[in-house]
PDB file of N, CA and C in Angstrom:
ATOM      1  N   MET A   1      80.207  77.730 141.782  1.00  0.00           N
ATOM      2  CA  MET A   1      80.335  79.114 141.427  1.00  0.00           C
ATOM      3  C   MET A   1      79.897  79.956 142.629  1.00  0.00           C
ATOM      4  N   SER A   2      80.668  80.956 142.919  1.00  0.00           N
ATOM      5  CA  SER A   2      80.333  81.777 144.079  1.00  0.00           C
ATOM      6  C   SER A   2      79.380  82.888 143.680  1.00  0.00           C
ATOM      7  N   ARG A   3      78.529  83.211 144.635  1.00  0.00           N
ATOM      8  CA  ARG A   3      77.598  84.298 144.380  1.00  0.00           C
ATOM      9  C   ARG A   3      78.102  85.543 145.061  1.00  0.00           C
ATOM     10  N   ARG A   4      77.936  86.616 144.406  1.00  0.00           N
ATOM     11  CA  ARG A   4      78.341  87.887 144.936  1.00  0.00           C
ATOM     12  C   ARG A   4      77.184  88.533 145.659  1.00  0.00           C
ATOM     13  N   ARG A   5      77.491  89.065 146.795  1.00  0.00           N
ATOM     14  CA  ARG A   5      76.434  89.707 147.570  1.00  0.00           C
ATOM     15  C   ARG A   5      76.422  91.197 147.234  1.00  0.00           C
ATOM     16  N   VAL A   6      75.306  91.671 146.819  1.00  0.00           N
ATOM     17  CA  VAL A   6      75.178  93.071 146.433  1.00  0.00           C
ATOM     18  C   VAL A   6      74.565  93.826 147.604  1.00  0.00           C
ATOM     19  N   THR A   7      75.245  94.891 148.028  1.00  0.00           N
ATOM     20  CA  THR A   7      74.765  95.683 149.140  1.00  0.00           C
ATOM     21  C   THR A   7      74.371  97.056 148.626  1.00  0.00           C
ATOM     22  N   THR A   8      73.224  97.489 149.034  1.00  0.00           N
ATOM     23  CA  THR A   8      72.794  98.833 148.652  1.00  0.00           C
ATOM     24  C   THR A   8      72.712  99.692 149.893  1.00  0.00           C
ATOM     25  N   PHE A   9      73.014 100.942 149.729  1.00  0.00           N
ATOM     26  CA  PHE A   9      73.016 101.874 150.845  1.00  0.00           C
ATOM     27  C   PHE A   9      71.956 102.953 150.627  1.00  0.00           C
ATOM     28  N   ASN A  10      70.761 102.540 150.320  1.00  0.00           N
ATOM     29  CA  ASN A  10      69.708 103.506 150.041  1.00  0.00           C
ATOM     30  C   ASN A  10      69.153 104.148 151.306  1.00  0.00           C
ATOM     31  N   ASN A  11      69.238 103.474 152.422  1.00  0.00           N
ATOM     32  CA  ASN A  11      68.614 103.992 153.630  1.00  0.00           C
ATOM     33  C   ASN A  11      69.571 104.832 154.500  1.00  0.00           C
ATOM     34  N   ILE A  12      70.724 105.214 153.990  1.00  0.00           N
ATOM     35  CA  ILE A  12      71.676 106.015 154.754  1.00  0.00           C
ATOM     36  C   ILE A  12      71.487 107.475 154.394  1.00  0.00           C
ATOM     37  N   ASN A  13      71.281 108.290 155.402  1.00  0.00           N
ATOM     38  CA  ASN A  13      71.154 109.727 155.191  1.00  0.00           C
ATOM     39  C   ASN A  13      72.465 110.401 155.565  1.00  0.00           C
ATOM     40  N   TYR A  14      72.994 111.210 154.686  1.00  0.00           N
ATOM     41  CA  TYR A  14      74.210 111.944 154.981  1.00  0.00           C
ATOM     42  C   TYR A  14      74.127 113.307 154.315  1.00  0.00           C
ATOM     43  N   GLN A  15      74.928 114.188 154.804  1.00  0.00           N
ATOM     44  CA  GLN A  15      75.018 115.515 154.204  1.00  0.00           C
ATOM     45  C   GLN A  15      76.446 116.016 154.351  1.00  0.00           C
ATOM     46  N   LYS A  16      76.867 116.874 153.452  1.00  0.00           N
ATOM     47  CA  LYS A  16      78.208 117.429 153.506  1.00  0.00           C
ATOM     48  C   LYS A  16      78.295 118.436 154.632  1.00  0.00           C
ATOM     49  N   LEU A  17      79.471 118.543 155.217  1.00  0.00           N
ATOM     50  CA  LEU A  17      79.687 119.531 156.248  1.00  0.00           C
ATOM     51  C   LEU A  17      79.806 120.910 155.616  1.00  0.00           C
ATOM     52  N   SER A  18      79.227 121.869 156.256  1.00  0.00           N
ATOM     53  CA  SER A  18      79.368 123.234 155.766  1.00  0.00           C
ATOM     54  C   SER A  18      80.751 123.762 156.172  1.00  0.00           C
ATOM     55  N   ASN A  19      81.116 124.909 155.636  1.00  0.00           N
ATOM     56  CA  ASN A  19      82.418 125.499 155.960  1.00  0.00           C
ATOM     57  C   ASN A  19      82.510 125.845 157.441  1.00  0.00           C
ATOM     58  N   GLU A  20      81.424 126.256 158.067  1.00  0.00           N
ATOM     59  CA  GLU A  20      81.432 126.585 159.490  1.00  0.00           C
ATOM     60  C   GLU A  20      81.732 125.347 160.330  1.00  0.00           C
ATOM     61  N   ASP A  21      81.145 124.221 159.958  1.00  0.00           N
ATOM     62  CA  ASP A  21      81.406 122.983 160.698  1.00  0.00           C
ATOM     63  C   ASP A  21      82.866 122.547 160.545  1.00  0.00           C
ATOM     64  N   ARG A  22      83.423 122.729 159.361  1.00  0.00           N
ATOM     65  CA  ARG A  22      84.822 122.369 159.158  1.00  0.00           C
ATOM     66  C   ARG A  22      85.747 123.244 159.991  1.00  0.00           C
ATOM     67  N   GLU A  23      85.469 124.538 160.056  1.00  0.00           N
ATOM     68  CA  GLU A  23      86.307 125.452 160.840  1.00  0.00           C
ATOM     69  C   GLU A  23      86.213 125.144 162.335  1.00  0.00           C
ATOM     70  N   SER A  24      85.010 124.817 162.807  1.00  0.00           N
ATOM     71  CA  SER A  24      84.884 124.500 164.235  1.00  0.00           C
ATOM     72  C   SER A  24      85.597 123.196 164.560  1.00  0.00           C
ATOM     73  N   ARG A  25      85.606 122.284 163.626  1.00  0.00           N
ATOM     74  CA  ARG A  25      86.306 121.024 163.842  1.00  0.00           C
ATOM     75  C   ARG A  25      87.820 121.240 163.856  1.00  0.00           C
ATOM     76  N   ASP A  26      88.329 122.128 163.015  1.00  0.00           N
ATOM     77  CA  ASP A  26      89.759 122.429 162.995  1.00  0.00           C
ATOM     78  C   ASP A  26      90.193 123.175 164.246  1.00  0.00           C
ATOM     79  N   SER A  27      89.304 123.928 164.839  1.00  0.00           N
ATOM     80  CA  SER A  27      89.677 124.695 166.019  1.00  0.00           C
ATOM     81  C   SER A  27      89.775 123.825 167.269  1.00  0.00           C
ATOM     82  N   GLU A  28      89.373 122.575 167.185  1.00  0.00           N
ATOM     83  CA  GLU A  28      89.467 121.678 168.332  1.00  0.00           C
ATOM     84  C   GLU A  28      90.906 121.239 168.598  1.00  0.00           C
ATOM     85  N   PHE A  29      91.798 121.398 167.625  1.00  0.00           N
ATOM     86  CA  PHE A  29      93.184 121.004 167.802  1.00  0.00           C
ATOM     87  C   PHE A  29      93.939 122.103 168.531  1.00  0.00           C
ATOM     88  N   THR A  30      94.824 121.694 169.404  1.00  0.00           N
ATOM     89  CA  THR A  30      95.669 122.656 170.114  1.00  0.00           C
ATOM     90  C   THR A  30      97.131 122.304 169.866  1.00  0.00           C
ATOM     91  N   ASP A  31      98.002 123.267 170.078  1.00  0.00           N
ATOM     92  CA  ASP A  31      99.430 123.027 169.879  1.00  0.00           C
ATOM     93  C   ASP A  31     100.003 122.094 170.943  1.00  0.00           C
ATOM     94  N   ALA A  32      99.392 122.075 172.098  1.00  0.00           N
ATOM     95  CA  ALA A  32      99.918 121.263 173.199  1.00  0.00           C
ATOM     96  C   ALA A  32      99.835 119.774 172.919  1.00  0.00           C
ATOM     97  N   GLN A  33      98.894 119.350 172.093  1.00  0.00           N
ATOM     98  CA  GLN A  33      98.765 117.909 171.845  1.00  0.00           C
ATOM     99  C   GLN A  33      99.856 117.382 170.928  1.00  0.00           C
ATOM    100  N   PHE A  34     100.579 118.262 170.275  1.00  0.00           N
ATOM    101  CA  PHE A  34     101.651 117.833 169.389  1.00  0.00           C
ATOM    102  C   PHE A  34     103.025 117.929 170.048  1.00  0.00           C
ATOM    103  N   GLU A  35     103.100 118.399 171.274  1.00  0.00           N
ATOM    104  CA  GLU A  35     104.360 118.474 171.993  1.00  0.00           C
ATOM    105  C   GLU A  35     104.606 117.168 172.740  1.00  0.00           C
ATOM    106  N   SER A  36     105.854 116.726 172.741  1.00  0.00           N
ATOM    107  CA  SER A  36     106.170 115.480 173.439  1.00  0.00           C
ATOM    108  C   SER A  36     106.331 115.764 174.933  1.00  0.00           C
ATOM    109  N   PRO A  37     105.915 114.842 175.771  1.00  0.00           N
ATOM    110  CA  PRO A  37     106.062 115.049 177.217  1.00  0.00           C
ATOM    111  C   PRO A  37     107.542 114.987 177.601  1.00  0.00           C
ATOM    112  N   PRO A  38     107.911 115.583 178.720  1.00  0.00           N
ATOM    113  CA  PRO A  38     109.323 115.523 179.127  1.00  0.00           C
ATOM    114  C   PRO A  38     109.738 114.075 179.400  1.00  0.00           C
ATOM    115  N   SER A  39     110.917 113.729 178.918  1.00  0.00           N
ATOM    116  CA  SER A  39     111.364 112.346 179.059  1.00  0.00           C
ATOM    117  C   SER A  39     111.996 112.118 180.425  1.00  0.00           C
ATOM    118  N   GLU A  40     111.834 110.904 180.915  1.00  0.00           N
ATOM    119  CA  GLU A  40     112.418 110.531 182.196  1.00  0.00           C
ATOM    120  C   GLU A  40     113.850 110.051 181.982  1.00  0.00           C
ATOM    121  N   ILE A  41     114.646 110.166 183.003  1.00  0.00           N
ATOM    122  CA  ILE A  41     116.048 109.762 182.913  1.00  0.00           C
ATOM    123  C   ILE A  41     116.141 108.254 183.173  1.00  0.00           C
ATOM    124  N   PRO A  42     116.696 107.478 182.224  1.00  0.00           N
ATOM    125  CA  PRO A  42     116.850 106.035 182.430  1.00  0.00           C
ATOM    126  C   PRO A  42     118.081 105.734 183.291  1.00  0.00           C
ATOM    127  N   TRP A  43     117.895 105.706 184.597  1.00  0.00           N
ATOM    128  CA  TRP A  43     119.017 105.581 185.522  1.00  0.00           C
ATOM    129  C   TRP A  43     119.770 104.270 185.368  1.00  0.00           C
ATOM    130  N   LYS A  44     119.053 103.160 185.182  1.00  0.00           N
ATOM    131  CA  LYS A  44     119.738 101.865 185.053  1.00  0.00           C
ATOM    132  C   LYS A  44     120.650 101.848 183.827  1.00  0.00           C
ATOM    133  N   ALA A  45     120.158 102.388 182.729  1.00  0.00           N
ATOM    134  CA  ALA A  45     120.954 102.413 181.503  1.00  0.00           C
ATOM    135  C   ALA A  45     122.158 103.341 181.653  1.00  0.00           C
ATOM    136  N   LEU A  46     121.981 104.451 182.362  1.00  0.00           N
ATOM    137  CA  LEU A  46     123.105 105.372 182.556  1.00  0.00           C
ATOM    138  C   LEU A  46     124.176 104.777 183.461  1.00  0.00           C
ATOM    139  N   ILE A  47     123.754 104.058 184.488  1.00  0.00           N
ATOM    140  CA  ILE A  47     124.730 103.398 185.364  1.00  0.00           C
ATOM    141  C   ILE A  47     125.501 102.335 184.592  1.00  0.00           C
ATOM    142  N   LEU A  48     124.791 101.558 183.778  1.00  0.00           N
ATOM    143  CA  LEU A  48     125.457 100.548 182.960  1.00  0.00           C
ATOM    144  C   LEU A  48     126.421 101.198 181.969  1.00  0.00           C
ATOM    145  N   ALA A  49     126.008 102.282 181.329  1.00  0.00           N
ATOM    146  CA  ALA A  49     126.889 102.963 180.376  1.00  0.00           C
ATOM    147  C   ALA A  49     128.125 103.515 181.075  1.00  0.00           C
ATOM    148  N   PHE A  50     127.943 104.078 182.263  1.00  0.00           N
ATOM    149  CA  PHE A  50     129.082 104.604 183.000  1.00  0.00           C
ATOM    150  C   PHE A  50     130.049 103.486 183.404  1.00  0.00           C
ATOM    151  N   LEU A  51     129.500 102.354 183.857  1.00  0.00           N
ATOM    152  CA  LEU A  51     130.363 101.224 184.232  1.00  0.00           C
ATOM    153  C   LEU A  51     131.093 100.650 183.018  1.00  0.00           C
ATOM    154  N   LEU A  52     130.412 100.593 181.873  1.00  0.00           N
ATOM    155  CA  LEU A  52     131.075 100.129 180.654  1.00  0.00           C
ATOM    156  C   LEU A  52     132.207 101.077 180.255  1.00  0.00           C
ATOM    157  N   CYS A  53     131.961 102.354 180.373  1.00  0.00           N
ATOM    158  CA  CYS A  53     132.987 103.345 180.011  1.00  0.00           C
ATOM    159  C   CYS A  53     134.201 103.241 180.935  1.00  0.00           C
ATOM    160  N   VAL A  54     133.971 103.175 182.224  1.00  0.00           N
ATOM    161  CA  VAL A  54     135.074 103.088 183.182  1.00  0.00           C
ATOM    162  C   VAL A  54     135.805 101.750 183.039  1.00  0.00           C
ATOM    163  N   GLY A  55     135.060 100.645 182.944  1.00  0.00           N
ATOM    164  CA  GLY A  55     135.697  99.330 182.789  1.00  0.00           C
ATOM    165  C   GLY A  55     136.485  99.224 181.500  1.00  0.00           C
ATOM    166  N   GLY A  56     135.953  99.756 180.403  1.00  0.00           N
ATOM    167  CA  GLY A  56     136.678  99.752 179.136  1.00  0.00           C
ATOM    168  C   GLY A  56     137.930 100.591 179.194  1.00  0.00           C
ATOM    169  N   THR A  57     137.856 101.721 179.885  1.00  0.00           N
ATOM    170  CA  THR A  57     139.034 102.569 180.031  1.00  0.00           C
ATOM    171  C   THR A  57     140.126 101.848 180.814  1.00  0.00           C
ATOM    172  N   VAL A  58     139.754 101.182 181.893  1.00  0.00           N
ATOM    173  CA  VAL A  58     140.734 100.440 182.702  1.00  0.00           C
ATOM    174  C   VAL A  58     141.374  99.333 181.877  1.00  0.00           C
ATOM    175  N   LEU A  59     140.564  98.583 181.131  1.00  0.00           N
ATOM    176  CA  LEU A  59     141.123  97.499 180.319  1.00  0.00           C
ATOM    177  C   LEU A  59     142.023  98.030 179.213  1.00  0.00           C
ATOM    178  N   LEU A  60     141.646  99.151 178.592  1.00  0.00           N
ATOM    179  CA  LEU A  60     142.501  99.732 177.551  1.00  0.00           C
ATOM    180  C   LEU A  60     143.828 100.222 178.118  1.00  0.00           C
ATOM    181  N   VAL A  61     143.799 100.825 179.289  1.00  0.00           N
ATOM    182  CA  VAL A  61     145.039 101.298 179.910  1.00  0.00           C
ATOM    183  C   VAL A  61     145.923 100.114 180.276  1.00  0.00           C
ATOM    184  N   MET A  62     145.325  99.085 180.860  1.00  0.00           N
ATOM    185  CA  MET A  62     146.114  97.898 181.227  1.00  0.00           C
ATOM    186  C   MET A  62     146.716  97.240 179.982  1.00  0.00           C
ATOM    187  N   GLY A  63     145.940  97.118 178.908  1.00  0.00           N
ATOM    188  CA  GLY A  63     146.464  96.544 177.673  1.00  0.00           C
ATOM    189  C   GLY A  63     147.563  97.389 177.066  1.00  0.00           C
ATOM    190  N   SER A  64     147.406  98.701 177.135  1.00  0.00           N
ATOM    191  CA  SER A  64     148.442  99.593 176.610  1.00  0.00           C
ATOM    192  C   SER A  64     149.729  99.492 177.418  1.00  0.00           C
ATOM    193  N   LEU A  65     149.584  99.354 178.726  1.00  0.00           N
ATOM    194  CA  LEU A  65     150.776  99.186 179.565  1.00  0.00           C
ATOM    195  C   LEU A  65     151.472  97.855 179.297  1.00  0.00           C
ATOM    196  N   LEU A  66     150.690  96.829 178.995  1.00  0.00           N
ATOM    197  CA  LEU A  66     151.302  95.545 178.638  1.00  0.00           C
ATOM    198  C   LEU A  66     152.026  95.630 177.305  1.00  0.00           C
ATOM    199  N   VAL A  67     151.454  96.325 176.331  1.00  0.00           N
ATOM    200  CA  VAL A  67     152.108  96.470 175.023  1.00  0.00           C
ATOM    201  C   VAL A  67     153.397  97.262 175.151  1.00  0.00           C
ATOM    202  N   SER A  68     153.388  98.294 175.970  1.00  0.00           N
ATOM    203  CA  SER A  68     154.566  99.144 176.105  1.00  0.00           C
ATOM    204  C   SER A  68     155.678  98.490 176.918  1.00  0.00           C
ATOM    205  N   GLY A  69     155.381  97.396 177.591  1.00  0.00           N
ATOM    206  CA  GLY A  69     156.398  96.691 178.358  1.00  0.00           C
ATOM    207  C   GLY A  69     156.529  97.175 179.781  1.00  0.00           C
ATOM    208  N   TYR A  70     155.580  97.927 180.258  1.00  0.00           N
ATOM    209  CA  TYR A  70     155.640  98.418 181.635  1.00  0.00           C
ATOM    210  C   TYR A  70     155.547  97.263 182.618  1.00  0.00           C
ATOM    211  N   PHE A  71     154.672  96.303 182.321  1.00  0.00           N
ATOM    212  CA  PHE A  71     154.598  95.085 183.126  1.00  0.00           C
ATOM    213  C   PHE A  71     155.552  94.066 182.532  1.00  0.00           C
ATOM    214  N   GLY A  72     155.809  93.010 183.252  1.00  0.00           N
ATOM    215  CA  GLY A  72     156.774  91.996 182.825  1.00  0.00           C
ATOM    216  C   GLY A  72     156.366  91.285 181.547  1.00  0.00           C
ATOM    217  N   VAL A  73     157.340  90.607 180.962  1.00  0.00           N
ATOM    218  CA  VAL A  73     157.129  89.880 179.717  1.00  0.00           C
ATOM    219  C   VAL A  73     156.235  88.663 179.937  1.00  0.00           C
ATOM    220  N   LYS A  74     156.168  88.178 181.168  1.00  0.00           N
ATOM    221  CA  LYS A  74     155.387  86.962 181.415  1.00  0.00           C
ATOM    222  C   LYS A  74     153.883  87.196 181.235  1.00  0.00           C
ATOM    223  N   TYR A  75     153.422  88.457 181.207  1.00  0.00           N
ATOM    224  CA  TYR A  75     152.003  88.751 181.006  1.00  0.00           C
ATOM    225  C   TYR A  75     151.675  89.171 179.570  1.00  0.00           C
ATOM    226  N   SER A  76     152.566  88.958 178.642  1.00  0.00           N
ATOM    227  CA  SER A  76     152.358  89.446 177.277  1.00  0.00           C
ATOM    228  C   SER A  76     151.242  88.714 176.534  1.00  0.00           C
ATOM    229  N   ASP A  77     150.864  87.506 176.995  1.00  0.00           N
ATOM    230  CA  ASP A  77     149.779  86.790 176.325  1.00  0.00           C
ATOM    231  C   ASP A  77     148.404  87.404 176.621  1.00  0.00           C
ATOM    232  N   ARG A  78     148.326  88.309 177.565  1.00  0.00           N
ATOM    233  CA  ARG A  78     147.047  88.937 177.929  1.00  0.00           C
ATOM    234  C   ARG A  78     146.865  90.310 177.274  1.00  0.00           C
ATOM    235  N   THR A  79     147.767  90.708 176.421  1.00  0.00           N
ATOM    236  CA  THR A  79     147.754  92.052 175.860  1.00  0.00           C
ATOM    237  C   THR A  79     146.552  92.299 174.955  1.00  0.00           C
ATOM    238  N   TRP A  80     146.444  91.529 173.891  1.00  0.00           N
ATOM    239  CA  TRP A  80     145.395  91.789 172.902  1.00  0.00           C
ATOM    240  C   TRP A  80     143.997  91.470 173.407  1.00  0.00           C
ATOM    241  N   PRO A  81     143.791  90.437 174.200  1.00  0.00           N
ATOM    242  CA  PRO A  81     142.440  90.267 174.749  1.00  0.00           C
ATOM    243  C   PRO A  81     141.993  91.451 175.608  1.00  0.00           C
ATOM    244  N   LEU A  82     142.913  92.033 176.386  1.00  0.00           N
ATOM    245  CA  LEU A  82     142.549  93.208 177.188  1.00  0.00           C
ATOM    246  C   LEU A  82     142.196  94.398 176.308  1.00  0.00           C
ATOM    247  N   ILE A  83     142.957  94.609 175.261  1.00  0.00           N
ATOM    248  CA  ILE A  83     142.689  95.748 174.371  1.00  0.00           C
ATOM    249  C   ILE A  83     141.369  95.557 173.635  1.00  0.00           C
ATOM    250  N   ILE A  84     141.114  94.350 173.154  1.00  0.00           N
ATOM    251  CA  ILE A  84     139.862  94.093 172.424  1.00  0.00           C
ATOM    252  C   ILE A  84     138.661  94.217 173.347  1.00  0.00           C
ATOM    253  N   MET A  85     138.735  93.618 174.528  1.00  0.00           N
ATOM    254  CA  MET A  85     137.624  93.733 175.485  1.00  0.00           C
ATOM    255  C   MET A  85     137.444  95.185 175.938  1.00  0.00           C
ATOM    256  N   GLY A  86     138.536  95.907 176.089  1.00  0.00           N
ATOM    257  CA  GLY A  86     138.447  97.318 176.452  1.00  0.00           C
ATOM    258  C   GLY A  86     137.721  98.127 175.396  1.00  0.00           C
ATOM    259  N   MET A  87     138.020  97.870 174.120  1.00  0.00           N
ATOM    260  CA  MET A  87     137.336  98.585 173.043  1.00  0.00           C
ATOM    261  C   MET A  87     135.865  98.218 172.992  1.00  0.00           C
ATOM    262  N   ILE A  88     135.566  96.925 173.175  1.00  0.00           N
ATOM    263  CA  ILE A  88     134.169  96.484 173.138  1.00  0.00           C
ATOM    264  C   ILE A  88     133.361  97.121 174.266  1.00  0.00           C
ATOM    265  N   MET A  89     133.971  97.326 175.399  1.00  0.00           N
ATOM    266  CA  MET A  89     133.264  97.935 176.522  1.00  0.00           C
ATOM    267  C   MET A  89     133.254  99.456 176.435  1.00  0.00           C
ATOM    268  N   PHE A  90     134.365 100.056 175.998  1.00  0.00           N
ATOM    269  CA  PHE A  90     134.489 101.507 176.029  1.00  0.00           C
ATOM    270  C   PHE A  90     133.594 102.206 175.003  1.00  0.00           C
ATOM    271  N   LEU A  91     133.528 101.688 173.790  1.00  0.00           N
ATOM    272  CA  LEU A  91     132.810 102.383 172.722  1.00  0.00           C
ATOM    273  C   LEU A  91     131.323 102.599 173.027  1.00  0.00           C
ATOM    274  N   PRO A  92     130.540 101.558 173.344  1.00  0.00           N
ATOM    275  CA  PRO A  92     129.119 101.840 173.641  1.00  0.00           C
ATOM    276  C   PRO A  92     128.933 102.623 174.933  1.00  0.00           C
ATOM    277  N   GLY A  93     129.800 102.383 175.916  1.00  0.00           N
ATOM    278  CA  GLY A  93     129.684 103.124 177.168  1.00  0.00           C
ATOM    279  C   GLY A  93     129.920 104.609 176.967  1.00  0.00           C
ATOM    280  N   ALA A  94     130.984 104.961 176.261  1.00  0.00           N
ATOM    281  CA  ALA A  94     131.288 106.370 176.019  1.00  0.00           C
ATOM    282  C   ALA A  94     130.222 107.022 175.140  1.00  0.00           C
ATOM    283  N   TYR A  95     129.691 106.276 174.184  1.00  0.00           N
ATOM    284  CA  TYR A  95     128.647 106.800 173.299  1.00  0.00           C
ATOM    285  C   TYR A  95     127.401 107.182 174.094  1.00  0.00           C
ATOM    286  N   HIS A  96     126.944 106.299 174.964  1.00  0.00           N
ATOM    287  CA  HIS A  96     125.727 106.580 175.728  1.00  0.00           C
ATOM    288  C   HIS A  96     125.960 107.616 176.831  1.00  0.00           C
ATOM    289  N   VAL A  97     127.154 107.652 177.396  1.00  0.00           N
ATOM    290  CA  VAL A  97     127.458 108.700 178.372  1.00  0.00           C
ATOM    291  C   VAL A  97     127.453 110.060 177.678  1.00  0.00           C
ATOM    292  N   ARG A  98     127.972 110.127 176.462  1.00  0.00           N
ATOM    293  CA  ARG A  98     127.957 111.393 175.711  1.00  0.00           C
ATOM    294  C   ARG A  98     126.536 111.823 175.398  1.00  0.00           C
ATOM    295  N   ILE A  99     125.676 110.902 174.980  1.00  0.00           N
ATOM    296  CA  ILE A  99     124.279 111.242 174.716  1.00  0.00           C
ATOM    297  C   ILE A  99     123.615 111.747 175.988  1.00  0.00           C
ATOM    298  N   ALA A 100     123.876 111.087 177.111  1.00  0.00           N
ATOM    299  CA  ALA A 100     123.276 111.515 178.378  1.00  0.00           C
ATOM    300  C   ALA A 100     123.768 112.899 178.775  1.00  0.00           C
ATOM    301  N   TYR A 101     125.042 113.176 178.571  1.00  0.00           N
ATOM    302  CA  TYR A 101     125.581 114.493 178.904  1.00  0.00           C
ATOM    303  C   TYR A 101     124.937 115.579 178.037  1.00  0.00           C
ATOM    304  N   CYS A 102     124.843 115.320 176.749  1.00  0.00           N
ATOM    305  CA  CYS A 102     124.248 116.315 175.843  1.00  0.00           C
ATOM    306  C   CYS A 102     122.759 116.497 176.129  1.00  0.00           C
ATOM    307  N   ALA A 103     122.062 115.429 176.496  1.00  0.00           N
ATOM    308  CA  ALA A 103     120.644 115.548 176.842  1.00  0.00           C
ATOM    309  C   ALA A 103     120.473 116.308 178.151  1.00  0.00           C
ATOM    310  N   TYR A 104     121.376 116.095 179.095  1.00  0.00           N
ATOM    311  CA  TYR A 104     121.314 116.809 180.370  1.00  0.00           C
ATOM    312  C   TYR A 104     121.558 118.306 180.163  1.00  0.00           C
ATOM    313  N   ARG A 105     122.491 118.634 179.284  1.00  0.00           N
ATOM    314  CA  ARG A 105     122.785 120.032 178.985  1.00  0.00           C
ATOM    315  C   ARG A 105     121.762 120.648 178.030  1.00  0.00           C
ATOM    316  N   GLN A 106     120.802 119.844 177.555  1.00  0.00           N
ATOM    317  CA  GLN A 106     119.696 120.244 176.674  1.00  0.00           C
ATOM    318  C   GLN A 106     120.189 120.820 175.354  1.00  0.00           C
ATOM    319  N   TYR A 107     121.191 120.154 174.763  1.00  0.00           N
ATOM    320  CA  TYR A 107     121.620 120.528 173.429  1.00  0.00           C
ATOM    321  C   TYR A 107     120.532 120.116 172.446  1.00  0.00           C
ATOM    322  N   PRO A 108     120.310 120.898 171.397  1.00  0.00           N
ATOM    323  CA  PRO A 108     119.258 120.532 170.441  1.00  0.00           C
ATOM    324  C   PRO A 108     119.587 119.217 169.730  1.00  0.00           C
ATOM    325  N   GLY A 109     118.586 118.379 169.611  1.00  0.00           N
ATOM    326  CA  GLY A 109     118.750 117.087 168.942  1.00  0.00           C
ATOM    327  C   GLY A 109     119.075 115.937 169.862  1.00  0.00           C
ATOM    328  N   TYR A 110     119.287 116.207 171.140  1.00  0.00           N
ATOM    329  CA  TYR A 110     119.616 115.145 172.095  1.00  0.00           C
ATOM    330  C   TYR A 110     118.490 115.016 173.115  1.00  0.00           C
ATOM    331  N   SER A 111     118.171 113.777 173.457  1.00  0.00           N
ATOM    332  CA  SER A 111     117.116 113.512 174.418  1.00  0.00           C
ATOM    333  C   SER A 111     117.445 112.220 175.165  1.00  0.00           C
ATOM    334  N   PHE A 112     116.910 112.093 176.357  1.00  0.00           N
ATOM    335  CA  PHE A 112     117.086 110.860 177.108  1.00  0.00           C
ATOM    336  C   PHE A 112     116.319 109.702 176.451  1.00  0.00           C
ATOM    337  N   ASP A 113     115.422 110.010 175.535  1.00  0.00           N
ATOM    338  CA  ASP A 113     114.702 108.963 174.804  1.00  0.00           C
ATOM    339  C   ASP A 113     115.618 108.208 173.852  1.00  0.00           C
ATOM    340  N   ASP A 114     116.777 108.780 173.540  1.00  0.00           N
ATOM    341  CA  ASP A 114     117.734 108.122 172.632  1.00  0.00           C
ATOM    342  C   ASP A 114     118.501 106.999 173.328  1.00  0.00           C
ATOM    343  N   ILE A 115     118.426 106.921 174.642  1.00  0.00           N
ATOM    344  CA  ILE A 115     119.123 105.882 175.397  1.00  0.00           C
ATOM    345  C   ILE A 115     118.138 104.770 175.678  1.00  0.00           C
ATOM    346  N   PRO A 116     118.445 103.521 175.316  1.00  0.00           N
ATOM    347  CA  PRO A 116     117.502 102.424 175.566  1.00  0.00           C
ATOM    348  C   PRO A 116     117.346 102.162 177.067  1.00  0.00           C
ATOM    349  N   GLU A 117     116.122 101.855 177.458  1.00  0.00           N
ATOM    350  CA  GLU A 117     115.828 101.577 178.871  1.00  0.00           C
ATOM    351  C   GLU A 117     115.868 100.075 179.119  1.00  0.00           C
ATOM    352  N   PHE A 118     116.284  99.700 180.305  1.00  0.00           N
ATOM    353  CA  PHE A 118     116.277  98.305 180.716  1.00  0.00           C
ATOM    354  C   PHE A 118     115.241  98.166 181.825  1.00  0.00           C
ATOM    355  N   SER A 119     114.157  97.476 181.529  1.00  0.00           N
ATOM    356  CA  SER A 119     113.090  97.332 182.523  1.00  0.00           C
ATOM    357  C   SER A 119     113.046  95.939 183.088  1.00  0.00           C
TER     358      SER A 119
END
């Protein structure tokens, strides 16, 4: 059977704070401590996003030209892989480039903190 340890706090002296002490404690807070510091620009992530956007655009254009028949029929087996890879590259690249543009222009709700950093 376990024994319970009983603790008494008879030797602790405490007193309630008066209203003056509470007001002085509240006045220690400033508005500046609740503001976020300016965010740094994640250059590596922006370069990667830009390269993804440009590479995806090139692959989508090449795939579209293959579908339309601009290039010869002998390259028709490369059509859908180019279009799929172009979409996979273009969508995240364009998304992050748009966030970076809106954050640079300081539109409300956009920040460079929304772009993941690669360290």
